[in-house]
PDB file of N, CA and C in Angstrom:
ATOM      1  N   MET A   1     -18.771  25.675 -29.487  1.00  0.00           N
ATOM      2  CA  MET A   1     -18.589  24.147 -29.225  1.00  0.00           C
ATOM      3  C   MET A   1     -17.455  24.169 -28.932  1.00  0.00           C
ATOM      4  N   ILE A   2     -16.515  24.716 -28.793  1.00  0.00           N
ATOM      5  CA  ILE A   2     -14.759  24.557 -28.817  1.00  0.00           C
ATOM      6  C   ILE A   2     -14.755  24.614 -27.471  1.00  0.00           C
ATOM      7  N   GLY A   3     -15.616  25.387 -26.814  1.00  0.00           N
ATOM      8  CA  GLY A   3     -15.390  25.784 -25.419  1.00  0.00           C
ATOM      9  C   GLY A   3     -15.275  24.366 -24.191  1.00  0.00           C
ATOM     10  N   VAL A   4     -16.407  23.575 -24.294  1.00  0.00           N
ATOM     11  CA  VAL A   4     -16.537  22.844 -23.800  1.00  0.00           C
ATOM     12  C   VAL A   4     -15.239  21.744 -23.796  1.00  0.00           C
ATOM     13  N   PRO A   5     -14.930  21.011 -24.742  1.00  0.00           N
ATOM     14  CA  PRO A   5     -13.739  20.338 -24.968  1.00  0.00           C
ATOM     15  C   PRO A   5     -12.523  20.881 -24.719  1.00  0.00           C
ATOM     16  N   THR A   6     -12.180  21.768 -25.073  1.00  0.00           N
ATOM     17  CA  THR A   6     -10.971  22.211 -24.504  1.00  0.00           C
ATOM     18  C   THR A   6     -10.962  22.617 -22.740  1.00  0.00           C
ATOM     19  N   SER A   7     -12.184  22.637 -22.375  1.00  0.00           N
ATOM     20  CA  SER A   7     -11.925  22.460 -21.246  1.00  0.00           C
ATOM     21  C   SER A   7     -11.684  21.101 -20.172  1.00  0.00           C
ATOM     22  N   VAL A   8     -12.371  20.346 -21.121  1.00  0.00           N
ATOM     23  CA  VAL A   8     -12.325  19.221 -20.521  1.00  0.00           C
ATOM     24  C   VAL A   8     -10.723  18.394 -20.830  1.00  0.00           C
ATOM     25  N   ILE A   9     -10.218  18.906 -21.830  1.00  0.00           N
ATOM     26  CA  ILE A   9      -8.338  18.332 -21.961  1.00  0.00           C
ATOM     27  C   ILE A   9      -7.877  19.293 -20.948  1.00  0.00           C
ATOM     28  N   GLY A  10      -8.268  20.653 -21.042  1.00  0.00           N
ATOM     29  CA  GLY A  10      -7.276  21.302 -20.011  1.00  0.00           C
ATOM     30  C   GLY A  10      -7.318  21.031 -18.762  1.00  0.00           C
ATOM     31  N   ALA A  11      -8.772  20.546 -18.242  1.00  0.00           N
ATOM     32  CA  ALA A  11      -8.670  20.032 -16.407  1.00  0.00           C
ATOM     33  C   ALA A  11      -7.921  18.581 -16.739  1.00  0.00           C
ATOM     34  N   ALA A  12      -7.906  17.841 -17.413  1.00  0.00           N
ATOM     35  CA  ALA A  12      -7.480  16.733 -17.468  1.00  0.00           C
ATOM     36  C   ALA A  12      -5.507  16.286 -17.373  1.00  0.00           C
ATOM     37  N   ARG A  13      -5.403  17.571 -18.386  1.00  0.00           N
ATOM     38  CA  ARG A  13      -4.111  17.785 -18.156  1.00  0.00           C
ATOM     39  C   ARG A  13      -3.882  18.505 -17.097  1.00  0.00           C
ATOM     40  N   TRP A  14      -4.576  19.497 -16.376  1.00  0.00           N
ATOM     41  CA  TRP A  14      -4.105  19.572 -14.969  1.00  0.00           C
ATOM     42  C   TRP A  14      -4.295  18.611 -13.887  1.00  0.00           C
ATOM     43  N   GLN A  15      -5.048  18.001 -13.879  1.00  0.00           N
ATOM     44  CA  GLN A  15      -5.459  17.188 -12.876  1.00  0.00           C
ATOM     45  C   GLN A  15      -4.005  15.868 -13.287  1.00  0.00           C
ATOM     46  N   SER A  16      -3.411  15.807 -14.238  1.00  0.00           N
ATOM     47  CA  SER A  16      -2.526  14.873 -14.612  1.00  0.00           C
ATOM     48  C   SER A  16      -1.099  15.696 -13.644  1.00  0.00           C
ATOM     49  N   TYR A  17      -0.804  16.926 -14.051  1.00  0.00           N
ATOM     50  CA  TYR A  17       0.250  17.705 -13.703  1.00  0.00           C
ATOM     51  C   TYR A  17       0.246  17.394 -12.109  1.00  0.00           C
ATOM     52  N   ALA A  18      -0.839  17.670 -11.557  1.00  0.00           N
ATOM     53  CA  ALA A  18      -0.909  17.987 -10.183  1.00  0.00           C
ATOM     54  C   ALA A  18      -0.515  16.360  -9.322  1.00  0.00           C
ATOM     55  N   SER A  19      -0.834  15.025 -10.040  1.00  0.00           N
ATOM     56  CA  SER A  19      -0.880  14.114  -9.546  1.00  0.00           C
ATOM     57  C   SER A  19       0.763  13.484  -9.957  1.00  0.00           C
ATOM     58  N   ASN A  20       1.074  14.316 -10.910  1.00  0.00           N
ATOM     59  CA  ASN A  20       2.515  13.966 -10.963  1.00  0.00           C
ATOM     60  C   ASN A  20       3.469  15.188  -9.867  1.00  0.00           C
ATOM     61  N   GLN A  21       2.982  16.037  -9.450  1.00  0.00           N
ATOM     62  CA  GLN A  21       3.718  16.866  -9.119  1.00  0.00           C
ATOM     63  C   GLN A  21       3.664  16.371  -7.576  1.00  0.00           C
ATOM     64  N   GLN A  22       2.473  15.746  -7.071  1.00  0.00           N
ATOM     65  CA  GLN A  22       2.461  14.675  -5.727  1.00  0.00           C
ATOM     66  C   GLN A  22       3.213  13.724  -5.518  1.00  0.00           C
ATOM     67  N   ARG A  23       3.474  13.119  -6.599  1.00  0.00           N
ATOM     68  CA  ARG A  23       3.990  12.025  -6.625  1.00  0.00           C
ATOM     69  C   ARG A  23       5.618  12.463  -6.548  1.00  0.00           C
ATOM     70  N   GLN A  24       5.581  13.271  -7.014  1.00  0.00           N
ATOM     71  CA  GLN A  24       7.208  13.931  -6.866  1.00  0.00           C
ATOM     72  C   GLN A  24       7.559  14.184  -5.598  1.00  0.00           C
ATOM     73  N   ARG A  25       6.642  15.127  -5.025  1.00  0.00           N
ATOM     74  CA  ARG A  25       6.849  15.762  -3.576  1.00  0.00           C
ATOM     75  C   ARG A  25       6.871  14.109  -2.592  1.00  0.00           C
ATOM     76  N   LEU A  26       6.291  13.262  -2.569  1.00  0.00           N
ATOM     77  CA  LEU A  26       5.977  12.024  -2.162  1.00  0.00           C
ATOM     78  C   LEU A  26       7.485  11.374  -2.629  1.00  0.00           C
ATOM     79  N   ASN A  27       7.701  11.327  -3.541  1.00  0.00           N
ATOM     80  CA  ASN A  27       9.352  10.362  -3.375  1.00  0.00           C
ATOM     81  C   ASN A  27      10.466  11.299  -2.566  1.00  0.00           C
ATOM     82  N   THR A  28      10.587  12.786  -2.870  1.00  0.00           N
ATOM     83  CA  THR A  28      11.434  13.751  -2.236  1.00  0.00           C
ATOM     84  C   THR A  28      11.445  13.671  -1.185  1.00  0.00           C
ATOM     85  N   THR A  29      10.158  13.594  -0.445  1.00  0.00           N
ATOM     86  CA  THR A  29      10.185  13.341   1.172  1.00  0.00           C
ATOM     87  C   THR A  29      10.616  12.061   1.525  1.00  0.00           C
ATOM     88  N   THR A  30      10.066  10.593   1.173  1.00  0.00           N
ATOM     89  CA  THR A  30      10.788   9.544   1.135  1.00  0.00           C
ATOM     90  C   THR A  30      12.037   9.358   1.459  1.00  0.00           C
ATOM     91  N   GLU A  31      12.957  10.071   0.400  1.00  0.00           N
ATOM     92  CA  GLU A  31      14.247   9.714   0.040  1.00  0.00           C
ATOM     93  C   GLU A  31      14.754  10.672   1.347  1.00  0.00           C
ATOM     94  N   THR A  32      14.284  11.573   1.475  1.00  0.00           N
ATOM     95  CA  THR A  32      14.699  12.766   2.870  1.00  0.00           C
ATOM     96  C   THR A  32      14.726  11.649   4.132  1.00  0.00           C
ATOM     97  N   VAL A  33      13.492  11.178   4.135  1.00  0.00           N
ATOM     98  CA  VAL A  33      13.510  10.824   5.228  1.00  0.00           C
ATOM     99  C   VAL A  33      14.444   9.577   5.697  1.00  0.00           C
ATOM    100  N   ALA A  34      14.946   8.554   4.197  1.00  0.00           N
ATOM    101  CA  ALA A  34      15.613   7.155   4.607  1.00  0.00           C
ATOM    102  C   ALA A  34      17.023   7.763   4.563  1.00  0.00           C
ATOM    103  N   SER A  35      17.276   8.917   4.080  1.00  0.00           N
ATOM    104  CA  SER A  35      18.696   9.487   4.015  1.00  0.00           C
ATOM    105  C   SER A  35      18.740  10.194   5.198  1.00  0.00           C
ATOM    106  N   THR A  36      17.948  11.007   6.062  1.00  0.00           N
ATOM    107  CA  THR A  36      18.375  10.837   7.429  1.00  0.00           C
ATOM    108  C   THR A  36      18.194   9.879   8.188  1.00  0.00           C
ATOM    109  N   LEU A  37      17.603   9.110   8.257  1.00  0.00           N
ATOM    110  CA  LEU A  37      17.997   7.737   9.249  1.00  0.00           C
ATOM    111  C   LEU A  37      18.575   6.878   8.913  1.00  0.00           C
ATOM    112  N   SER A  38      19.083   6.805   7.964  1.00  0.00           N
ATOM    113  CA  SER A  38      20.479   6.150   7.230  1.00  0.00           C
ATOM    114  C   SER A  38      21.841   6.761   8.164  1.00  0.00           C
ATOM    115  N   ALA A  39      21.728   8.252   8.171  1.00  0.00           N
ATOM    116  CA  ALA A  39      22.431   9.070   8.900  1.00  0.00           C
ATOM    117  C   ALA A  39      22.317   9.188  10.558  1.00  0.00           C
ATOM    118  N   HIS A  40      21.568   9.056  10.951  1.00  0.00           N
ATOM    119  CA  HIS A  40      21.418   8.568  12.538  1.00  0.00           C
ATOM    120  C   HIS A  40      21.699   7.334  12.677  1.00  0.00           C
ATOM    121  N   LEU A  41      21.217   6.173  11.894  1.00  0.00           N
ATOM    122  CA  LEU A  41      21.639   4.843  12.480  1.00  0.00           C
ATOM    123  C   LEU A  41      23.367   5.069  12.600  1.00  0.00           C
ATOM    124  N   GLN A  42      23.962   5.797  11.222  1.00  0.00           N
ATOM    125  CA  GLN A  42      25.141   5.309  11.376  1.00  0.00           C
ATOM    126  C   GLN A  42      26.226   5.842  12.222  1.00  0.00           C
ATOM    127  N   ARG A  43      25.699   7.371  12.775  1.00  0.00           N
ATOM    128  CA  ARG A  43      26.062   8.122  13.698  1.00  0.00           C
ATOM    129  C   ARG A  43      26.153   7.170  15.142  1.00  0.00           C
ATOM    130  N   ASP A  44      24.605   6.397  15.639  1.00  0.00           N
ATOM    131  CA  ASP A  44      24.749   5.429  16.671  1.00  0.00           C
ATOM    132  C   ASP A  44      25.742   4.174  16.599  1.00  0.00           C
ATOM    133  N   GLN A  45      26.095   3.652  15.389  1.00  0.00           N
ATOM    134  CA  GLN A  45      26.794   2.625  15.398  1.00  0.00           C
ATOM    135  C   GLN A  45      28.061   3.392  15.586  1.00  0.00           C
ATOM    136  N   ASP A  46      28.590   4.793  14.714  1.00  0.00           N
ATOM    137  CA  ASP A  46      29.909   5.104  15.433  1.00  0.00           C
ATOM    138  C   ASP A  46      29.940   5.160  16.651  1.00  0.00           C
ATOM    139  N   LEU A  47      29.175   5.545  17.378  1.00  0.00           N
ATOM    140  CA  LEU A  47      29.258   5.951  18.763  1.00  0.00           C
ATOM    141  C   LEU A  47      29.526   4.224  19.644  1.00  0.00           C
ATOM    142  N   VAL A  48      28.712   3.654  19.283  1.00  0.00           N
ATOM    143  CA  VAL A  48      29.162   2.679  19.893  1.00  0.00           C
ATOM    144  C   VAL A  48      30.531   1.712  19.544  1.00  0.00           C
ATOM    145  N   GLN A  49      31.012   1.787  18.376  1.00  0.00           N
ATOM    146  CA  GLN A  49      32.231   1.537  18.348  1.00  0.00           C
ATOM    147  C   GLN A  49      33.051   1.963  18.694  1.00  0.00           C
ATOM    148  N   VAL A  50      32.968   3.685  19.080  1.00  0.00           N
ATOM    149  CA  VAL A  50      34.048   4.675  19.698  1.00  0.00           C
ATOM    150  C   VAL A  50      34.065   4.135  21.413  1.00  0.00           C
ATOM    151  N   SER A  51      32.475   3.424  21.664  1.00  0.00           N
ATOM    152  CA  SER A  51      32.773   3.466  23.622  1.00  0.00           C
ATOM    153  C   SER A  51      33.010   2.363  23.712  1.00  0.00           C
ATOM    154  N   GLY A  52      33.155   1.103  22.504  1.00  0.00           N
ATOM    155  CA  GLY A  52      33.755   0.228  22.706  1.00  0.00           C
ATOM    156  C   GLY A  52      32.497  -1.087  23.585  1.00  0.00           C
ATOM    157  N   ARG A  53      31.315  -0.557  23.160  1.00  0.00           N
ATOM    158  CA  ARG A  53      30.432  -1.698  23.771  1.00  0.00           C
ATOM    159  C   ARG A  53      30.225  -2.161  22.431  1.00  0.00           C
ATOM    160  N   PRO A  54      29.906  -4.024  22.661  1.00  0.00           N
ATOM    161  CA  PRO A  54      29.401  -4.149  21.152  1.00  0.00           C
ATOM    162  C   PRO A  54      28.327  -3.853  20.558  1.00  0.00           C
ATOM    163  N   SER A  55      28.140  -4.199  19.167  1.00  0.00           N
ATOM    164  CA  SER A  55      26.797  -3.405  18.580  1.00  0.00           C
ATOM    165  C   SER A  55      25.847  -4.427  18.579  1.00  0.00           C
ATOM    166  N   PRO A  56      24.597  -4.124  18.675  1.00  0.00           N
ATOM    167  CA  PRO A  56      23.764  -5.269  18.556  1.00  0.00           C
ATOM    168  C   PRO A  56      23.437  -5.452  17.005  1.00  0.00           C
ATOM    169  N   PRO A  57      22.897  -7.294  17.092  1.00  0.00           N
ATOM    170  CA  PRO A  57      23.129  -7.819  15.592  1.00  0.00           C
ATOM    171  C   PRO A  57      22.253  -7.446  15.116  1.00  0.00           C
ATOM    172  N   GLY A  58      22.415  -7.403  13.800  1.00  0.00           N
ATOM    173  CA  GLY A  58      21.189  -6.802  12.629  1.00  0.00           C
ATOM    174  C   GLY A  58      21.685  -6.116  12.121  1.00  0.00           C
TER     175      GLY A  58
END
C-alpha cells in the first residue's frame, strides 16, 4: 500500500519540477530577446546620430 501514495507524490513533485523548469526557460528566453532587441535599437539610434539624420520620435 505504500507504493501508490509514493508514486502519486513523486508524480506531483516531478510535475512541479518540470513546470518550474519550463517557466525558467521562458523567462531566460524573454530576457534574451529583450536584451537583443534593445541592443539593436541602440545600434540603430547610434547610426542615425552618426549619419546626422534626425531620429524618429519615440
